[in-house]
Amino acid sequence: KSTCYFPSDKKMWSNLCNVIKKNGSLAGIQIACNNSAISMQRTII
């Protein structure tokens, strides 16, 4: 429930990119899809 997703507030995403790049790193984003009715388990095994 607390996962970020696209599309959403462009201004906040741009602010995030700008902060990263101003510091000297490249701004990277990991894009994912969870499309299963089976939820992520909480136990380790």
ModelCIF file with pLDDT and N, C-alpha, C, O atoms, coordinates in Angstrom:
data_MODEL
#
_entry.id   MODEL 
#
_entity.id                         1 
_entity.type                       polymer 
_entity.pdbx_number_of_molecules   1 
#
_entity_poly.entity_id                      1 
_entity_poly.type                           'polypeptide(L)' 
_entity_poly.nstd_linkage                   no 
_entity_poly.nstd_monomer                   no 
_entity_poly.pdbx_seq_one_letter_code       KSTCYFPSDKKMWSNLCNVIKKNGSLAGIQIACNNSAISMQRTII 
_entity_poly.pdbx_seq_one_letter_code_can   KSTCYFPSDKKMWSNLCNVIKKNGSLAGIQIACNNSAISMQRTII 
_entity_poly.pdbx_strand_id                 A 
#
loop_
_entity_poly_seq.entity_id 
_entity_poly_seq.num 
_entity_poly_seq.mon_id 
_entity_poly_seq.hetero 
1 1  LYS n 
1 2  SER n 
1 3  THR n 
1 4  CYS n 
1 5  TYR n 
1 6  PHE n 
1 7  PRO n 
1 8  SER n 
1 9  ASP n 
1 10 LYS n 
1 11 LYS n 
1 12 MET n 
1 13 TRP n 
1 14 SER n 
1 15 ASN n 
1 16 LEU n 
1 17 CYS n 
1 18 ASN n 
1 19 VAL n 
1 20 ILE n 
1 21 LYS n 
1 22 LYS n 
1 23 ASN n 
1 24 GLY n 
1 25 SER n 
1 26 LEU n 
1 27 ALA n 
1 28 GLY n 
1 29 ILE n 
1 30 GLN n 
1 31 ILE n 
1 32 ALA n 
1 33 CYS n 
1 34 ASN n 
1 35 ASN n 
1 36 SER n 
1 37 ALA n 
1 38 ILE n 
1 39 SER n 
1 40 MET n 
1 41 GLN n 
1 42 ARG n 
1 43 THR n 
1 44 ILE n 
1 45 ILE n 
#
_struct_asym.id          A 
_struct_asym.entity_id   1 
#
loop_
_ma_qa_metric.id 
_ma_qa_metric.mode 
_ma_qa_metric.name 
_ma_qa_metric.software_group_id 
_ma_qa_metric.type 
1 global pLDDT . pLDDT 
2 local  pLDDT . pLDDT 
#
_ma_qa_metric_global.metric_id      1 
_ma_qa_metric_global.metric_value   90.93 
_ma_qa_metric_global.model_id       1 
_ma_qa_metric_global.ordinal_id     1 
#
loop_
_ma_qa_metric_local.label_asym_id 
_ma_qa_metric_local.label_comp_id 
_ma_qa_metric_local.label_seq_id 
_ma_qa_metric_local.metric_id 
_ma_qa_metric_local.metric_value 
_ma_qa_metric_local.model_id 
_ma_qa_metric_local.ordinal_id 
A LYS 1  2 88.00 1 1  
A SER 2  2 91.00 1 2  
A THR 3  2 94.00 1 3  
A CYS 4  2 96.00 1 4  
A TYR 5  2 97.00 1 5  
A PHE 6  2 97.00 1 6  
A PRO 7  2 97.00 1 7  
A SER 8  2 97.00 1 8  
A ASP 9  2 97.00 1 9  
A LYS 10 2 98.00 1 10 
A LYS 11 2 98.00 1 11 
A MET 12 2 98.00 1 12 
A TRP 13 2 98.00 1 13 
A SER 14 2 98.00 1 14 
A ASN 15 2 98.00 1 15 
A LEU 16 2 98.00 1 16 
A CYS 17 2 98.00 1 17 
A ASN 18 2 98.00 1 18 
A VAL 19 2 98.00 1 19 
A ILE 20 2 98.00 1 20 
A LYS 21 2 98.00 1 21 
A LYS 22 2 97.00 1 22 
A ASN 23 2 97.00 1 23 
A GLY 24 2 97.00 1 24 
A SER 25 2 98.00 1 25 
A LEU 26 2 98.00 1 26 
A ALA 27 2 98.00 1 27 
A GLY 28 2 98.00 1 28 
A ILE 29 2 98.00 1 29 
A GLN 30 2 98.00 1 30 
A ILE 31 2 98.00 1 31 
A ALA 32 2 97.00 1 32 
A CYS 33 2 97.00 1 33 
A ASN 34 2 94.00 1 34 
A ASN 35 2 88.00 1 35 
A SER 36 2 78.00 1 36 
A ALA 37 2 70.00 1 37 
A ILE 38 2 72.00 1 38 
A SER 39 2 70.00 1 39 
A MET 40 2 67.00 1 40 
A GLN 41 2 66.00 1 41 
A ARG 42 2 67.00 1 42 
A THR 43 2 70.00 1 43 
A ILE 44 2 72.00 1 44 
A ILE 45 2 77.00 1 45 
#
loop_
_atom_site.group_PDB 
_atom_site.id 
_atom_site.type_symbol 
_atom_site.label_atom_id 
_atom_site.label_alt_id 
_atom_site.label_comp_id 
_atom_site.label_asym_id 
_atom_site.label_entity_id 
_atom_site.label_seq_id 
_atom_site.pdbx_PDB_ins_code 
_atom_site.Cartn_x 
_atom_site.Cartn_y 
_atom_site.Cartn_z 
_atom_site.occupancy 
_atom_site.B_iso_or_equiv 
_atom_site.pdbx_formal_charge 
_atom_site.auth_seq_id 
_atom_site.auth_comp_id 
_atom_site.auth_asym_id 
_atom_site.auth_atom_id 
_atom_site.pdbx_PDB_model_num 
ATOM 1   N N  . LYS A 1 1  ? 0.795  -1.227  0.000   1.00 88.00 ? 1  LYS A N  1 
ATOM 2   C CA . LYS A 1 1  ? 0.000  0.000   0.000   1.00 88.00 ? 1  LYS A CA 1 
ATOM 3   C C  . LYS A 1 1  ? 0.826  1.276   0.000   1.00 88.00 ? 1  LYS A C  1 
ATOM 4   O O  . LYS A 1 1  ? 0.315  2.339   -0.352  1.00 88.00 ? 1  LYS A O  1 
ATOM 5   N N  . SER A 1 2  ? 2.094  1.190   0.388   1.00 91.00 ? 2  SER A N  1 
ATOM 6   C CA . SER A 1 2  ? 2.911  2.404   0.451   1.00 91.00 ? 2  SER A CA 1 
ATOM 7   C C  . SER A 1 2  ? 3.928  2.475   -0.687  1.00 91.00 ? 2  SER A C  1 
ATOM 8   O O  . SER A 1 2  ? 4.891  3.237   -0.609  1.00 91.00 ? 2  SER A O  1 
ATOM 9   N N  . THR A 1 3  ? 3.724  1.695   -1.733  1.00 94.00 ? 3  THR A N  1 
ATOM 10  C CA . THR A 1 3  ? 4.613  1.709   -2.887  1.00 94.00 ? 3  THR A CA 1 
ATOM 11  C C  . THR A 1 3  ? 4.354  2.942   -3.747  1.00 94.00 ? 3  THR A C  1 
ATOM 12  O O  . THR A 1 3  ? 3.200  3.314   -3.961  1.00 94.00 ? 3  THR A O  1 
ATOM 13  N N  . CYS A 1 4  ? 5.405  3.572   -4.236  1.00 96.00 ? 4  CYS A N  1 
ATOM 14  C CA . CYS A 1 4  ? 5.253  4.643   -5.222  1.00 96.00 ? 4  CYS A CA 1 
ATOM 15  C C  . CYS A 1 4  ? 4.776  4.050   -6.546  1.00 96.00 ? 4  CYS A C  1 
ATOM 16  O O  . CYS A 1 4  ? 5.026  2.882   -6.840  1.00 96.00 ? 4  CYS A O  1 
ATOM 17  N N  . TYR A 1 5  ? 4.093  4.864   -7.332  1.00 97.00 ? 5  TYR A N  1 
ATOM 18  C CA . TYR A 1 5  ? 3.661  4.385   -8.641  1.00 97.00 ? 5  TYR A CA 1 
ATOM 19  C C  . TYR A 1 5  ? 3.577  5.548   -9.625  1.00 97.00 ? 5  TYR A C  1 
ATOM 20  O O  . TYR A 1 5  ? 3.492  6.716   -9.244  1.00 97.00 ? 5  TYR A O  1 
ATOM 21  N N  . PHE A 1 6  ? 3.604  5.181   -10.905 1.00 97.00 ? 6  PHE A N  1 
ATOM 22  C CA . PHE A 1 6  ? 3.422  6.129   -12.013 1.00 97.00 ? 6  PHE A CA 1 
ATOM 23  C C  . PHE A 1 6  ? 2.038  5.922   -12.613 1.00 97.00 ? 6  PHE A C  1 
ATOM 24  O O  . PHE A 1 6  ? 1.508  4.814   -12.534 1.00 97.00 ? 6  PHE A O  1 
ATOM 25  N N  . PRO A 1 7  ? 1.430  6.952   -13.214 1.00 97.00 ? 7  PRO A N  1 
ATOM 26  C CA . PRO A 1 7  ? 1.849  8.344   -13.107 1.00 97.00 ? 7  PRO A CA 1 
ATOM 27  C C  . PRO A 1 7  ? 1.351  8.934   -11.786 1.00 97.00 ? 7  PRO A C  1 
ATOM 28  O O  . PRO A 1 7  ? 0.316  8.519   -11.263 1.00 97.00 ? 7  PRO A O  1 
ATOM 29  N N  . SER A 1 8  ? 2.078  9.879   -11.266 1.00 97.00 ? 8  SER A N  1 
ATOM 30  C CA . SER A 1 8  ? 1.675  10.616  -10.066 1.00 97.00 ? 8  SER A CA 1 
ATOM 31  C C  . SER A 1 8  ? 2.370  11.974  -10.117 1.00 97.00 ? 8  SER A C  1 
ATOM 32  O O  . SER A 1 8  ? 2.980  12.311  -11.132 1.00 97.00 ? 8  SER A O  1 
ATOM 33  N N  . ASP A 1 9  ? 2.292  12.732  -9.080  1.00 97.00 ? 9  ASP A N  1 
ATOM 34  C CA . ASP A 1 9  ? 2.717  14.139  -9.049  1.00 97.00 ? 9  ASP A CA 1 
ATOM 35  C C  . ASP A 1 9  ? 4.058  14.391  -9.744  1.00 97.00 ? 9  ASP A C  1 
ATOM 36  O O  . ASP A 1 9  ? 5.116  14.063  -9.207  1.00 97.00 ? 9  ASP A O  1 
ATOM 37  N N  . LYS A 1 10 ? 4.001  14.974  -10.936 1.00 98.00 ? 10 LYS A N  1 
ATOM 38  C CA . LYS A 1 10 ? 5.219  15.208  -11.732 1.00 98.00 ? 10 LYS A CA 1 
ATOM 39  C C  . LYS A 1 10 ? 6.198  16.137  -11.020 1.00 98.00 ? 10 LYS A C  1 
ATOM 40  O O  . LYS A 1 10 ? 7.412  15.953  -11.100 1.00 98.00 ? 10 LYS A O  1 
ATOM 41  N N  . LYS A 1 11 ? 5.666  17.123  -10.334 1.00 98.00 ? 11 LYS A N  1 
ATOM 42  C CA . LYS A 1 11 ? 6.544  18.087  -9.672  1.00 98.00 ? 11 LYS A CA 1 
ATOM 43  C C  . LYS A 1 11 ? 7.411  17.403  -8.621  1.00 98.00 ? 11 LYS A C  1 
ATOM 44  O O  . LYS A 1 11 ? 8.607  17.678  -8.532  1.00 98.00 ? 11 LYS A O  1 
ATOM 45  N N  . MET A 1 12 ? 6.826  16.522  -7.831  1.00 98.00 ? 12 MET A N  1 
ATOM 46  C CA . MET A 1 12 ? 7.596  15.838  -6.793  1.00 98.00 ? 12 MET A CA 1 
ATOM 47  C C  . MET A 1 12 ? 8.643  14.897  -7.402  1.00 98.00 ? 12 MET A C  1 
ATOM 48  O O  . MET A 1 12 ? 9.760  14.797  -6.894  1.00 98.00 ? 12 MET A O  1 
ATOM 49  N N  . TRP A 1 13 ? 8.281  14.216  -8.481  1.00 98.00 ? 13 TRP A N  1 
ATOM 50  C CA . TRP A 1 13 ? 9.261  13.350  -9.141  1.00 98.00 ? 13 TRP A CA 1 
ATOM 51  C C  . TRP A 1 13 ? 10.403 14.178  -9.731  1.00 98.00 ? 13 TRP A C  1 
ATOM 52  O O  . TRP A 1 13 ? 11.567 13.789  -9.633  1.00 98.00 ? 13 TRP A O  1 
ATOM 53  N N  . SER A 1 14 ? 10.076 15.309  -10.338 1.00 98.00 ? 14 SER A N  1 
ATOM 54  C CA . SER A 1 14 ? 11.128 16.177  -10.893 1.00 98.00 ? 14 SER A CA 1 
ATOM 55  C C  . SER A 1 14 ? 12.033 16.717  -9.795  1.00 98.00 ? 14 SER A C  1 
ATOM 56  O O  . SER A 1 14 ? 13.250 16.796  -9.966  1.00 98.00 ? 14 SER A O  1 
ATOM 57  N N  . ASN A 1 15 ? 11.430 17.090  -8.661  1.00 98.00 ? 15 ASN A N  1 
ATOM 58  C CA . ASN A 1 15 ? 12.233 17.570  -7.530  1.00 98.00 ? 15 ASN A CA 1 
ATOM 59  C C  . ASN A 1 15 ? 13.214 16.493  -7.069  1.00 98.00 ? 15 ASN A C  1 
ATOM 60  O O  . ASN A 1 15 ? 14.370 16.782  -6.759  1.00 98.00 ? 15 ASN A O  1 
ATOM 61  N N  . LEU A 1 16 ? 12.737 15.248  -7.028  1.00 98.00 ? 16 LEU A N  1 
ATOM 62  C CA . LEU A 1 16 ? 13.596 14.141  -6.616  1.00 98.00 ? 16 LEU A CA 1 
ATOM 63  C C  . LEU A 1 16 ? 14.758 13.960  -7.587  1.00 98.00 ? 16 LEU A C  1 
ATOM 64  O O  . LEU A 1 16 ? 15.908 13.830  -7.165  1.00 98.00 ? 16 LEU A O  1 
ATOM 65  N N  . CYS A 1 17 ? 14.462 13.950  -8.888  1.00 98.00 ? 17 CYS A N  1 
ATOM 66  C CA . CYS A 1 17 ? 15.523 13.819  -9.899  1.00 98.00 ? 17 CYS A CA 1 
ATOM 67  C C  . CYS A 1 17 ? 16.534 14.955  -9.793  1.00 98.00 ? 17 CYS A C  1 
ATOM 68  O O  . CYS A 1 17 ? 17.743 14.731  -9.853  1.00 98.00 ? 17 CYS A O  1 
ATOM 69  N N  . ASN A 1 18 ? 16.030 16.169  -9.634  1.00 98.00 ? 18 ASN A N  1 
ATOM 70  C CA . ASN A 1 18 ? 16.912 17.334  -9.595  1.00 98.00 ? 18 ASN A CA 1 
ATOM 71  C C  . ASN A 1 18 ? 17.864 17.281  -8.404  1.00 98.00 ? 18 ASN A C  1 
ATOM 72  O O  . ASN A 1 18 ? 19.034 17.644  -8.527  1.00 98.00 ? 18 ASN A O  1 
ATOM 73  N N  . VAL A 1 19 ? 17.371 16.831  -7.258  1.00 98.00 ? 19 VAL A N  1 
ATOM 74  C CA . VAL A 1 19 ? 18.209 16.731  -6.063  1.00 98.00 ? 19 VAL A CA 1 
ATOM 75  C C  . VAL A 1 19 ? 19.331 15.715  -6.280  1.00 98.00 ? 19 VAL A C  1 
ATOM 76  O O  . VAL A 1 19 ? 20.485 15.974  -5.939  1.00 98.00 ? 19 VAL A O  1 
ATOM 77  N N  . ILE A 1 20 ? 18.989 14.571  -6.844  1.00 98.00 ? 20 ILE A N  1 
ATOM 78  C CA . ILE A 1 20 ? 19.986 13.529  -7.088  1.00 98.00 ? 20 ILE A CA 1 
ATOM 79  C C  . ILE A 1 20 ? 21.058 14.020  -8.052  1.00 98.00 ? 20 ILE A C  1 
ATOM 80  O O  . ILE A 1 20 ? 22.252 13.842  -7.813  1.00 98.00 ? 20 ILE A O  1 
ATOM 81  N N  . LYS A 1 21 ? 20.618 14.641  -9.145  1.00 98.00 ? 21 LYS A N  1 
ATOM 82  C CA . LYS A 1 21 ? 21.567 15.056  -10.191 1.00 98.00 ? 21 LYS A CA 1 
ATOM 83  C C  . LYS A 1 21 ? 22.379 16.276  -9.764  1.00 98.00 ? 21 LYS A C  1 
ATOM 84  O O  . LYS A 1 21 ? 23.537 16.418  -10.156 1.00 98.00 ? 21 LYS A O  1 
ATOM 85  N N  . LYS A 1 22 ? 21.784 17.147  -8.971  1.00 97.00 ? 22 LYS A N  1 
ATOM 86  C CA . LYS A 1 22 ? 22.526 18.299  -8.456  1.00 97.00 ? 22 LYS A CA 1 
ATOM 87  C C  . LYS A 1 22 ? 23.693 17.846  -7.586  1.00 97.00 ? 22 LYS A C  1 
ATOM 88  O O  . LYS A 1 22 ? 24.747 18.480  -7.573  1.00 97.00 ? 22 LYS A O  1 
ATOM 89  N N  . ASN A 1 23 ? 23.502 16.755  -6.865  1.00 97.00 ? 23 ASN A N  1 
ATOM 90  C CA . ASN A 1 23 ? 24.569 16.213  -6.016  1.00 97.00 ? 23 ASN A CA 1 
ATOM 91  C C  . ASN A 1 23 ? 25.681 15.551  -6.809  1.00 97.00 ? 23 ASN A C  1 
ATOM 92  O O  . ASN A 1 23 ? 26.797 15.410  -6.309  1.00 97.00 ? 23 ASN A O  1 
ATOM 93  N N  . GLY A 1 24 ? 25.393 15.140  -8.045  1.00 97.00 ? 24 GLY A N  1 
ATOM 94  C CA . GLY A 1 24 ? 26.451 14.559  -8.873  1.00 97.00 ? 24 GLY A CA 1 
ATOM 95  C C  . GLY A 1 24 ? 26.227 13.134  -9.321  1.00 97.00 ? 24 GLY A C  1 
ATOM 96  O O  . GLY A 1 24 ? 27.028 12.604  -10.091 1.00 97.00 ? 24 GLY A O  1 
ATOM 97  N N  . SER A 1 25 ? 25.144 12.483  -8.858  1.00 98.00 ? 25 SER A N  1 
ATOM 98  C CA . SER A 1 25 ? 24.817 11.128  -9.315  1.00 98.00 ? 25 SER A CA 1 
ATOM 99  C C  . SER A 1 25 ? 23.908 11.194  -10.536 1.00 98.00 ? 25 SER A C  1 
ATOM 100 O O  . SER A 1 25 ? 23.316 12.235  -10.821 1.00 98.00 ? 25 SER A O  1 
ATOM 101 N N  . LEU A 1 26 ? 23.800 10.085  -11.251 1.00 98.00 ? 26 LEU A N  1 
ATOM 102 C CA . LEU A 1 26 ? 22.718 9.932   -12.205 1.00 98.00 ? 26 LEU A CA 1 
ATOM 103 C C  . LEU A 1 26 ? 21.474 9.518   -11.437 1.00 98.00 ? 26 LEU A C  1 
ATOM 104 O O  . LEU A 1 26 ? 21.561 8.835   -10.417 1.00 98.00 ? 26 LEU A O  1 
ATOM 105 N N  . ALA A 1 27 ? 20.319 9.935   -11.933 1.00 98.00 ? 27 ALA A N  1 
ATOM 106 C CA . ALA A 1 27 ? 19.053 9.573   -11.300 1.00 98.00 ? 27 ALA A CA 1 
ATOM 107 C C  . ALA A 1 27 ? 18.505 8.317   -11.958 1.00 98.00 ? 27 ALA A C  1 
ATOM 108 O O  . ALA A 1 27 ? 18.207 8.307   -13.152 1.00 98.00 ? 27 ALA A O  1 
ATOM 109 N N  . GLY A 1 28 ? 18.376 7.258   -11.167 1.00 98.00 ? 28 GLY A N  1 
ATOM 110 C CA . GLY A 1 28 ? 17.861 5.999   -11.682 1.00 98.00 ? 28 GLY A CA 1 
ATOM 111 C C  . GLY A 1 28 ? 16.539 5.638   -11.027 1.00 98.00 ? 28 GLY A C  1 
ATOM 112 O O  . GLY A 1 28 ? 16.267 6.028   -9.891  1.00 98.00 ? 28 GLY A O  1 
ATOM 113 N N  . ILE A 1 29 ? 15.734 4.902   -11.744 1.00 98.00 ? 29 ILE A N  1 
ATOM 114 C CA . ILE A 1 29 ? 14.438 4.476   -11.216 1.00 98.00 ? 29 ILE A CA 1 
ATOM 115 C C  . ILE A 1 29 ? 14.205 3.014   -11.554 1.00 98.00 ? 29 ILE A C  1 
ATOM 116 O O  . ILE A 1 29 ? 14.406 2.586   -12.690 1.00 98.00 ? 29 ILE A O  1 
ATOM 117 N N  . GLN A 1 30 ? 13.782 2.258   -10.559 1.00 98.00 ? 30 GLN A N  1 
ATOM 118 C CA . GLN A 1 30 ? 13.430 0.855   -10.764 1.00 98.00 ? 30 GLN A CA 1 
ATOM 119 C C  . GLN A 1 30 ? 11.920 0.764   -10.956 1.00 98.00 ? 30 GLN A C  1 
ATOM 120 O O  . GLN A 1 30 ? 11.151 1.140   -10.070 1.00 98.00 ? 30 GLN A O  1 
ATOM 121 N N  . ILE A 1 31 ? 11.498 0.262   -12.121 1.00 98.00 ? 31 ILE A N  1 
ATOM 122 C CA . ILE A 1 31 ? 10.079 0.167   -12.445 1.00 98.00 ? 31 ILE A CA 1 
ATOM 123 C C  . ILE A 1 31 ? 9.647  -1.286  -12.351 1.00 98.00 ? 31 ILE A C  1 
ATOM 124 O O  . ILE A 1 31 ? 10.294 -2.176  -12.902 1.00 98.00 ? 31 ILE A O  1 
ATOM 125 N N  . ALA A 1 32 ? 8.536  -1.519  -11.640 1.00 97.00 ? 32 ALA A N  1 
ATOM 126 C CA . ALA A 1 32 ? 8.132  -2.890  -11.323 1.00 97.00 ? 32 ALA A CA 1 
ATOM 127 C C  . ALA A 1 32 ? 6.649  -3.104  -11.560 1.00 97.00 ? 32 ALA A C  1 
ATOM 128 O O  . ALA A 1 32 ? 5.869  -2.160  -11.681 1.00 97.00 ? 32 ALA A O  1 
ATOM 129 N N  . CYS A 1 33 ? 6.284  -4.385  -11.622 1.00 97.00 ? 33 CYS A N  1 
ATOM 130 C CA . CYS A 1 33 ? 4.890  -4.768  -11.769 1.00 97.00 ? 33 CYS A CA 1 
ATOM 131 C C  . CYS A 1 33 ? 4.612  -5.997  -10.925 1.00 97.00 ? 33 CYS A C  1 
ATOM 132 O O  . CYS A 1 33 ? 5.228  -7.045  -11.116 1.00 97.00 ? 33 CYS A O  1 
ATOM 133 N N  . ASN A 1 34 ? 3.674  -5.861  -9.984  1.00 94.00 ? 34 ASN A N  1 
ATOM 134 C CA . ASN A 1 34 ? 3.207  -7.010  -9.218  1.00 94.00 ? 34 ASN A CA 1 
ATOM 135 C C  . ASN A 1 34 ? 1.780  -7.295  -9.678  1.00 94.00 ? 34 ASN A C  1 
ATOM 136 O O  . ASN A 1 34 ? 0.838  -6.611  -9.278  1.00 94.00 ? 34 ASN A O  1 
ATOM 137 N N  . ASN A 1 35 ? 1.638  -8.303  -10.515 1.00 88.00 ? 35 ASN A N  1 
ATOM 138 C CA . ASN A 1 35 ? 0.329  -8.596  -11.106 1.00 88.00 ? 35 ASN A CA 1 
ATOM 139 C C  . ASN A 1 35 ? -0.119 -10.000 -10.738 1.00 88.00 ? 35 ASN A C  1 
ATOM 140 O O  . ASN A 1 35 ? -0.468 -10.797 -11.609 1.00 88.00 ? 35 ASN A O  1 
ATOM 141 N N  . SER A 1 36 ? -0.110 -10.297 -9.468  1.00 78.00 ? 36 SER A N  1 
ATOM 142 C CA . SER A 1 36 ? -0.513 -11.616 -9.000  1.00 78.00 ? 36 SER A CA 1 
ATOM 143 C C  . SER A 1 36 ? -1.475 -11.460 -7.835  1.00 78.00 ? 36 SER A C  1 
ATOM 144 O O  . SER A 1 36 ? -1.337 -10.552 -7.014  1.00 78.00 ? 36 SER A O  1 
ATOM 145 N N  . ALA A 1 37 ? -2.447 -12.354 -7.775  1.00 70.00 ? 37 ALA A N  1 
ATOM 146 C CA . ALA A 1 37 ? -3.402 -12.326 -6.663  1.00 70.00 ? 37 ALA A CA 1 
ATOM 147 C C  . ALA A 1 37 ? -2.770 -12.803 -5.368  1.00 70.00 ? 37 ALA A C  1 
ATOM 148 O O  . ALA A 1 37 ? -3.333 -12.611 -4.290  1.00 70.00 ? 37 ALA A O  1 
ATOM 149 N N  . ILE A 1 38 ? -1.588 -13.432 -5.470  1.00 72.00 ? 38 ILE A N  1 
ATOM 150 C CA . ILE A 1 38 ? -0.877 -13.914 -4.290  1.00 72.00 ? 38 ILE A CA 1 
ATOM 151 C C  . ILE A 1 38 ? -0.036 -12.771 -3.736  1.00 72.00 ? 38 ILE A C  1 
ATOM 152 O O  . ILE A 1 38 ? 0.874  -12.297 -4.416  1.00 72.00 ? 38 ILE A O  1 
ATOM 153 N N  . SER A 1 39 ? -0.315 -12.327 -2.536  1.00 70.00 ? 39 SER A N  1 
ATOM 154 C CA . SER A 1 39 ? 0.402  -11.187 -1.957  1.00 70.00 ? 39 SER A CA 1 
ATOM 155 C C  . SER A 1 39 ? 1.802  -11.598 -1.517  1.00 70.00 ? 39 SER A C  1 
ATOM 156 O O  . SER A 1 39 ? 2.096  -12.780 -1.334  1.00 70.00 ? 39 SER A O  1 
ATOM 157 N N  . MET A 1 40 ? 2.661  -10.585 -1.351  1.00 67.00 ? 40 MET A N  1 
ATOM 158 C CA . MET A 1 40 ? 4.019  -10.829 -0.890  1.00 67.00 ? 40 MET A CA 1 
ATOM 159 C C  . MET A 1 40 ? 3.975  -11.337 0.554   1.00 67.00 ? 40 MET A C  1 
ATOM 160 O O  . MET A 1 40 ? 3.352  -10.718 1.417   1.00 67.00 ? 40 MET A O  1 
ATOM 161 N N  . GLN A 1 41 ? 4.626  -12.446 0.803   1.00 66.00 ? 41 GLN A N  1 
ATOM 162 C CA . GLN A 1 41 ? 4.597  -13.033 2.145   1.00 66.00 ? 41 GLN A CA 1 
ATOM 163 C C  . GLN A 1 41 ? 5.454  -12.233 3.113   1.00 66.00 ? 41 GLN A C  1 
ATOM 164 O O  . GLN A 1 41 ? 6.381  -11.534 2.703   1.00 66.00 ? 41 GLN A O  1 
ATOM 165 N N  . ARG A 1 42 ? 5.142  -12.337 4.386   1.00 67.00 ? 42 ARG A N  1 
ATOM 166 C CA . ARG A 1 42 ? 5.893  -11.624 5.407   1.00 67.00 ? 42 ARG A CA 1 
ATOM 167 C C  . ARG A 1 42 ? 6.996  -12.478 6.025   1.00 67.00 ? 42 ARG A C  1 
ATOM 168 O O  . ARG A 1 42 ? 7.957  -11.939 6.572   1.00 67.00 ? 42 ARG A O  1 
ATOM 169 N N  . THR A 1 43 ? 6.871  -13.800 5.946   1.00 70.00 ? 43 THR A N  1 
ATOM 170 C CA . THR A 1 43 ? 7.897  -14.674 6.515   1.00 70.00 ? 43 THR A CA 1 
ATOM 171 C C  . THR A 1 43 ? 9.123  -14.738 5.612   1.00 70.00 ? 43 THR A C  1 
ATOM 172 O O  . THR A 1 43 ? 9.029  -14.479 4.412   1.00 70.00 ? 43 THR A O  1 
ATOM 173 N N  . ILE A 1 44 ? 10.277 -15.085 6.189   1.00 72.00 ? 44 ILE A N  1 
ATOM 174 C CA . ILE A 1 44 ? 11.511 -15.170 5.419   1.00 72.00 ? 44 ILE A CA 1 
ATOM 175 C C  . ILE A 1 44 ? 11.482 -16.363 4.461   1.00 72.00 ? 44 ILE A C  1 
ATOM 176 O O  . ILE A 1 44 ? 11.867 -16.237 3.298   1.00 72.00 ? 44 ILE A O  1 
ATOM 177 N N  . ILE A 1 45 ? 11.028 -17.514 4.947   1.00 77.00 ? 45 ILE A N  1 
ATOM 178 C CA . ILE A 1 45 ? 10.965 -18.722 4.133   1.00 77.00 ? 45 ILE A CA 1 
ATOM 179 C C  . ILE A 1 45 ? 9.513  -19.193 4.031   1.00 77.00 ? 45 ILE A C  1 
ATOM 180 O O  . ILE A 1 45 ? 9.236  -20.203 3.384   1.00 77.00 ? 45 ILE A O  1 
#
